[in-house]
Protein backbone atom coordinates (compact mmCIF):
# COMPACT_ATOMS: atom_id res chain seq x y z
CA MET A 1 -8.30 -2.13 23.83
CA ALA A 2 -7.30 -4.20 26.63
CA GLU A 3 -3.54 -6.70 25.10
CA VAL A 4 -4.11 -10.31 24.26
CA ASP A 5 -2.47 -12.61 26.40
CA ASN A 6 0.09 -14.51 23.80
CA LYS A 7 0.35 -17.64 26.14
CA VAL A 8 -1.54 -19.72 23.16
CA PRO A 9 -2.45 -23.17 24.18
CA ALA A 10 -1.47 -25.54 21.59
CA GLU A 11 -2.44 -28.64 20.87
CA VAL A 12 -0.25 -31.44 19.17
CA ARG A 13 -1.70 -32.92 16.00
CA THR A 14 -1.50 -36.00 13.92
CA GLN A 15 -4.07 -36.09 11.21
CA PHE A 16 -3.75 -33.59 8.18
CA GLY A 17 -5.87 -32.76 5.04
CA LYS A 18 -8.32 -30.16 4.08
CA GLY A 19 -11.18 -32.70 5.54
CA PHE A 20 -9.18 -32.10 8.93
CA ALA A 21 -7.95 -28.75 8.86
CA ARG A 22 -11.90 -27.55 7.68
CA ARG A 23 -13.27 -29.38 10.94
CA LEU A 24 -10.53 -27.87 12.93
CA ARG A 25 -11.66 -24.29 11.77
CA VAL A 26 -15.08 -25.37 12.36
CA ALA A 27 -14.58 -25.95 16.21
CA GLY A 28 -12.73 -22.69 16.45
CA GLN A 29 -8.68 -23.19 15.75
CA ILE A 30 -6.71 -22.96 13.30
CA PRO A 31 -3.79 -25.70 11.78
CA ALA A 32 -0.30 -24.51 12.18
CA VAL A 33 3.51 -25.53 12.27
CA VAL A 34 5.91 -25.01 14.14
CA TYR A 35 9.76 -25.37 12.96
CA GLY A 36 12.92 -23.96 13.13
CA HIS A 37 16.53 -24.32 15.93
CA GLY A 38 17.46 -28.15 14.73
CA ALA A 39 13.85 -29.33 16.01
CA GLU A 40 11.20 -31.25 14.41
CA VAL A 41 8.62 -30.01 13.10
CA VAL A 42 5.82 -30.15 14.81
CA HIS A 43 2.22 -29.22 13.99
CA VAL A 44 -0.67 -28.27 16.45
CA ALA A 45 -4.01 -26.57 16.39
CA VAL A 46 -4.24 -22.97 18.18
CA PRO A 47 -7.56 -21.09 18.92
CA ALA A 48 -8.73 -19.24 16.47
CA ARG A 49 -10.20 -16.18 18.34
CA GLN A 50 -6.87 -15.22 20.29
CA VAL A 51 -4.58 -16.01 17.68
CA THR A 52 -6.49 -13.49 14.84
CA LEU A 53 -6.94 -10.76 17.86
CA LEU A 54 -2.55 -11.29 18.06
CA LEU A 55 -2.10 -10.92 14.51
CA ARG A 56 -3.39 -7.87 14.28
CA LYS A 57 0.10 -6.86 15.23
CA LYS A 58 2.82 -7.18 12.62
CA ASN A 59 5.83 -9.90 13.18
CA ALA A 60 3.37 -11.18 16.24
CA ILE A 61 5.64 -13.39 19.03
CA LEU A 62 3.28 -16.58 19.82
CA ASP A 63 4.24 -17.67 23.48
CA LEU A 64 2.88 -21.40 22.51
CA GLN A 65 2.17 -23.88 25.54
CA ILE A 66 2.99 -27.58 23.86
CA ASP A 67 2.44 -30.27 26.46
CA GLY A 68 3.09 -27.89 29.24
CA LYS A 69 6.35 -26.39 28.07
CA SER A 70 6.72 -22.86 26.69
CA THR A 71 7.94 -22.43 22.96
CA LEU A 72 8.20 -18.93 21.58
CA ALA A 73 7.75 -18.44 17.65
CA LEU A 74 7.75 -16.00 15.63
CA VAL A 75 4.69 -15.63 13.07
CA LYS A 76 6.78 -16.55 9.43
CA ASP A 77 3.57 -16.72 6.92
CA VAL A 78 -0.36 -16.54 7.07
CA GLN A 79 -2.26 -18.39 4.41
CA LYS A 80 -5.82 -16.90 4.49
CA ASP A 81 -8.99 -17.71 2.43
CA PRO A 82 -9.05 -15.19 -0.49
CA VAL A 83 -12.59 -14.18 -0.77
CA ARG A 84 -13.71 -14.67 3.27
CA GLN A 85 -9.99 -13.49 4.44
CA ILE A 86 -10.16 -16.36 7.26
CA ILE A 87 -7.16 -17.65 8.34
CA GLU A 88 -5.90 -21.12 7.14
CA HIS A 89 -3.04 -22.23 8.15
CA ILE A 90 -0.24 -20.60 9.95
CA ASP A 91 3.92 -20.76 9.65
CA LEU A 92 6.16 -20.41 13.10
CA VAL A 93 9.34 -20.28 13.31
CA VAL A 94 10.94 -21.27 16.72
CA VAL A 95 13.16 -17.86 18.46
CA THR A 96 14.57 -17.33 21.84
CA LYS A 97 15.48 -14.29 23.76
CA GLY A 98 18.19 -12.55 22.91
CA GLU A 99 18.58 -14.16 19.65
CA LYS A 100 18.64 -11.45 16.28
CA VAL A 101 15.89 -12.13 13.47
CA VAL A 102 15.55 -10.38 10.25
CA VAL A 103 11.65 -8.64 10.00
CA ASN A 104 10.18 -6.74 7.80
CA VAL A 105 8.10 -3.77 10.04
CA PRO A 106 5.61 -1.26 8.65
CA LEU A 107 6.48 2.32 8.31
CA HIS A 108 3.73 4.89 9.35
CA ILE A 109 3.25 8.83 7.83
CA VAL A 110 2.21 10.48 10.52
CA GLY A 111 1.34 14.43 9.64
CA THR A 112 0.45 16.38 6.08
CA GLN A 113 2.74 17.55 4.02
CA GLN A 114 2.95 21.49 2.97
CA ALA A 115 0.05 22.35 1.35
CA GLY A 116 0.57 21.91 -2.50
CA ALA A 117 2.99 19.71 -2.17
CA VAL A 118 2.73 15.62 -2.97
CA LEU A 119 4.41 12.99 -1.18
CA GLU A 120 6.06 10.20 -2.17
CA LEU A 121 5.91 7.10 -0.54
CA ASP A 122 9.02 4.72 -1.89
CA ALA A 123 8.70 2.22 0.76
CA LYS A 124 6.42 0.34 3.30
CA ALA A 125 8.33 -0.91 5.30
CA VAL A 126 11.69 -1.48 6.35
CA PRO A 127 13.71 -4.49 6.66
CA LEU A 128 15.55 -4.60 10.65
CA LEU A 129 17.90 -6.69 12.07
CA ALA A 130 16.16 -6.67 15.75
CA GLU A 131 16.07 -9.10 19.51
CA ALA A 132 12.98 -11.29 18.59
CA THR A 133 11.21 -10.22 22.11
CA HIS A 134 11.45 -6.63 21.55
CA ILE A 135 10.27 -5.98 17.79
CA PRO A 136 9.23 -2.54 17.11
CA GLU A 137 5.35 -2.85 16.10
CA PHE A 138 6.29 0.22 13.37
CA ILE A 139 8.65 2.93 12.70
CA GLU A 140 6.83 6.35 12.88
CA ILE A 141 7.67 9.10 10.42
CA ASN A 142 6.57 12.68 10.88
CA ILE A 143 5.58 14.04 7.63
CA ASP A 144 3.85 17.04 9.33
CA GLY A 145 4.43 20.68 7.39
CA LYS A 146 7.50 19.34 4.98
CA ALA A 147 8.00 21.34 1.82
CA PRO A 148 9.21 19.88 -1.37
CA GLY A 149 12.58 18.75 -1.01
CA PHE A 150 11.86 17.03 2.13
CA LYS A 151 13.59 13.45 2.33
CA VAL A 152 14.10 10.61 4.07
CA THR A 153 16.61 7.16 4.03
CA PHE A 154 16.45 4.38 5.50
CA ALA A 155 19.57 5.81 7.86
CA ASP A 156 17.28 8.73 8.59
CA LEU A 157 14.87 6.38 10.30
CA ASP A 158 14.41 6.60 14.31
CA LEU A 159 15.26 3.05 15.28
CA PRO A 160 14.59 1.40 18.80
CA ALA A 161 18.53 0.95 20.62
CA ASP A 162 18.72 -2.43 19.50
CA ALA A 163 17.80 -2.90 16.20
CA THR A 164 19.88 -2.30 12.90
CA ILE A 165 18.96 -1.96 8.75
CA ASP A 166 19.23 -4.84 7.43
CA GLY A 167 20.17 -3.54 3.56
CA GLU A 168 20.95 -0.59 1.73
CA SER A 169 20.53 2.29 4.34
CA THR A 170 20.68 4.87 1.55
CA ARG A 171 17.25 3.61 0.40
CA LEU A 172 14.65 6.30 0.09
CA VAL A 173 11.66 6.08 1.98
CA VAL A 174 9.59 8.84 1.39
CA HIS A 175 10.21 12.12 -0.37
CA VAL A 176 8.34 15.55 -0.92
CA HIS A 177 8.13 17.38 -4.55
CA ALA A 178 6.07 20.13 -5.93
CA ALA A 179 3.02 19.40 -7.35
CA SER A 180 3.02 19.47 -11.48
CA ALA A 181 0.40 19.41 -14.18
CA LYS A 182 1.80 15.97 -14.73
CA ASP A 183 0.70 14.90 -10.99
CA SER A 184 -2.71 15.91 -11.57
CA ALA A 185 -3.19 13.60 -14.96
CA GLU A 186 -1.43 10.55 -13.06
CA SER A 187 -3.73 11.38 -10.45
CA GLY A 188 -7.05 10.84 -12.60
CA GLU A 189 -5.52 8.05 -14.35
CA GLU A 190 -5.26 6.34 -11.36
CA LEU A 191 -8.31 7.05 -9.84
CA ALA A 192 -9.87 5.50 -12.95
CA ALA A 193 -7.22 2.79 -13.03
CA GLU A 194 -8.87 2.21 -9.17
CA LEU A 195 -12.06 1.72 -9.82
CA ALA A 196 -11.80 -0.90 -13.01
CA ASP A 197 -9.43 -2.48 -10.48
CA GLU A 198 -12.39 -2.61 -7.21
CA ALA A 199 -15.03 -3.78 -9.81
CA ALA A 200 -13.10 -6.71 -11.87
CA HIS A 201 -11.67 -7.50 -7.88
CA ALA A 202 -15.58 -7.77 -6.79
CA GLU A 203 -16.43 -9.76 -9.73
CA HIS A 204 -13.47 -12.47 -8.96
CA LYS A 205 -14.12 -12.37 -5.65
CA ALA A 206 -17.78 -13.61 -6.73
CA GLU A 207 -16.32 -16.12 -8.96
CA ILE A 208 -14.34 -17.87 -6.77
CA HIS A 209 -17.03 -17.87 -3.81
CA ALA A 210 -19.22 -19.37 -6.24
CA GLU A 211 -16.40 -22.45 -7.19
CA GLN A 212 -15.48 -22.79 -3.37
CA HIS A 213 -18.61 -23.19 -2.80
CA GLU A 214 -19.40 -25.99 -5.29
CA ALA A 215 -15.69 -27.90 -3.51
CA GLU A 216 -16.93 -27.54 -0.01
CA LYS A 217 -20.52 -29.12 -1.23
CA ALA A 218 -18.28 -31.78 -3.17
CA GLU A 219 -15.95 -32.33 -0.19
CA ALA A 220 -19.12 -32.75 2.41
CA LEU A 221 -20.57 -35.28 -0.01
CA ALA A 222 -17.24 -37.09 0.24
CA ASP A 223 -17.10 -37.42 3.99
CA ALA A 224 -20.43 -38.32 4.49
CA GLU A 225 -20.06 -41.18 1.96
CA LEU A 226 -16.83 -42.03 3.48
CA SER A 227 -18.71 -41.92 6.90
CA GLY A 228 -21.56 -43.90 5.59
CA ALA A 229 -19.15 -46.62 4.29
CA ALA A 230 -17.38 -46.84 7.65
CA ALA A 231 -20.82 -46.94 9.33
CA ALA A 232 -21.40 -49.86 6.84
CA ALA A 233 -18.42 -52.02 7.11
CA GLU A 234 -19.13 -51.66 11.70
CA ALA A 235 -22.19 -52.61 10.89
CA ALA A 236 -21.23 -55.61 9.03
CA GLU A 237 -18.59 -56.48 11.64
């Protein structure tokens, strides 16, 4: 897949509220806020398709084009609809080249441990102090063929030259141990719990979707009533 251009056109917006945000999303844009470095907070709208593709990468850096000027911004928070997973709002913090930022970088496990051994994942991400424009997409850990007793701490990770651990370097990341009867029993219990959680989650999603549908209908009716009132007022004038 071709790399998506991180130069993002950002249009300054002066309107707010759920109704306006909904109209933006219908028009293929996402409301966002840009802050940091002592500058005033700027409210913008960015293209949904391009930004959604860029956000596939953790800790994405966007090169915002605001009023003809380039502003580098780190994606700090992404708010999504709990049911449809549509991006509703983005928080962006201004960064500069050469600046160090603290970010959580995902850990990727590669390979399979020795047959019969059990892998325990103790951390899913590592806190790094890294240069803003050179944040690694992930840190890889190879556990292929590893036997019981194998372990990796933050200090053992293979990091980029300009990145350092922001935290306790002795923290355990993964370890491999021998399988036991207890592990088998826990695996069965965990599977049953996961199936129950999935069923409950599906039911909850259906309830949220129904509630959201009713709320959207109410908002649409309110918008229509306001539009009608405005039209009547104009006609009276």
